[in-house]
Amino acid sequence: GFSMSEAVAAFIVTGVLLIATGLFRPLTKLISRIPPSVASGMLAGIVVTFALNAVKTIPIDPWLILPLIAAFFVIRL
């Protein structure tokens, strides 16, 4: 895992980059040139890792993970 200070720093850097993306026109154009399939693949890499870690946690703490999975399917329907 990460320490709390590392997590806070990551959120701050992300916020600064998001603001820079909106304010700095060439950066906005550069990011808009990323193909949707590449952006989707990058997002999938993050989401799949999160989902696999959640599934691995089911035997350890099912009362935490199973309601999350149920909520996911209820929202998706």
Protein backbone atom coordinates (compact mmCIF):
# COMPACT_ATOMS: atom_id res chain seq x y z
CA GLY A 1 0.00 0.00 0.00
CA PHE A 2 0.68 3.65 0.15
CA SER A 3 1.10 5.94 3.12
CA MET A 4 -1.43 8.68 3.79
CA SER A 5 1.03 11.37 2.71
CA GLU A 6 1.66 9.57 -0.59
CA ALA A 7 -2.08 9.27 -1.24
CA VAL A 8 -2.67 12.95 -0.45
CA ALA A 9 0.22 13.95 -2.71
CA ALA A 10 -1.23 11.84 -5.53
CA PHE A 11 -4.62 13.56 -5.17
CA ILE A 12 -2.98 16.99 -5.16
CA VAL A 13 -0.92 16.22 -8.28
CA THR A 14 -4.02 14.84 -10.00
CA GLY A 15 -5.98 17.98 -9.15
CA VAL A 16 -3.23 20.24 -10.46
CA LEU A 17 -3.01 18.24 -13.69
CA LEU A 18 -6.79 18.39 -14.18
CA ILE A 19 -6.78 22.15 -13.70
CA ALA A 20 -3.80 22.49 -16.08
CA THR A 21 -5.64 20.40 -18.65
CA GLY A 22 -8.62 22.74 -18.53
CA LEU A 23 -6.64 25.99 -18.53
CA PHE A 24 -3.76 25.22 -20.88
CA ARG A 25 -5.26 24.94 -24.38
CA PRO A 26 -2.42 22.98 -26.08
CA LEU A 27 -2.55 20.36 -23.33
CA THR A 28 -6.31 20.06 -23.80
CA LYS A 29 -5.83 19.51 -27.54
CA LEU A 30 -3.07 16.97 -26.92
CA ILE A 31 -5.20 14.94 -24.54
CA SER A 32 -8.20 15.08 -26.89
CA ARG A 33 -6.02 13.37 -29.53
CA ILE A 34 -5.71 10.22 -27.40
CA PRO A 35 -7.81 7.58 -29.20
CA PRO A 36 -10.89 6.49 -27.23
CA SER A 37 -9.79 2.86 -27.43
CA VAL A 38 -6.46 3.70 -25.76
CA ALA A 39 -8.19 5.75 -23.05
CA SER A 40 -10.65 2.89 -22.47
CA GLY A 41 -7.79 0.41 -22.22
CA MET A 42 -6.01 2.57 -19.66
CA LEU A 43 -9.18 2.85 -17.59
CA ALA A 44 -9.81 -0.89 -17.87
CA GLY A 45 -6.33 -1.60 -16.54
CA ILE A 46 -7.14 0.36 -13.40
CA VAL A 47 -10.68 -0.96 -12.95
CA VAL A 48 -9.75 -4.62 -13.53
CA THR A 49 -7.05 -4.42 -10.87
CA PHE A 50 -9.54 -2.90 -8.42
CA ALA A 51 -12.18 -5.54 -9.23
CA LEU A 52 -9.73 -8.45 -8.90
CA ASN A 53 -8.54 -7.18 -5.53
CA ALA A 54 -12.17 -6.91 -4.38
CA VAL A 55 -12.84 -10.52 -5.43
CA LYS A 56 -9.71 -11.69 -3.59
CA THR A 57 -11.04 -10.03 -0.43
CA ILE A 58 -14.36 -11.95 -0.41
CA PRO A 59 -13.04 -14.89 1.68
CA ILE A 60 -11.47 -12.48 4.18
CA ASP A 61 -14.39 -10.05 4.65
CA PRO A 62 -17.52 -11.11 2.71
CA TRP A 63 -19.81 -8.70 4.59
CA LEU A 64 -17.85 -5.79 3.17
CA ILE A 65 -17.39 -6.91 -0.43
CA LEU A 66 -20.62 -8.76 -1.27
CA PRO A 67 -22.86 -5.68 -0.68
CA LEU A 68 -20.53 -3.68 -2.94
CA ILE A 69 -20.86 -6.28 -5.69
CA ALA A 70 -24.65 -6.40 -5.22
CA ALA A 71 -24.85 -2.59 -5.41
CA PHE A 72 -22.80 -2.64 -8.62
CA PHE A 73 -25.23 -5.04 -10.30
CA VAL A 74 -28.31 -3.18 -9.02
CA ILE A 75 -26.96 0.10 -10.39
CA ARG A 76 -26.00 -1.50 -13.73
CA LEU A 77 -29.51 -2.86 -14.28
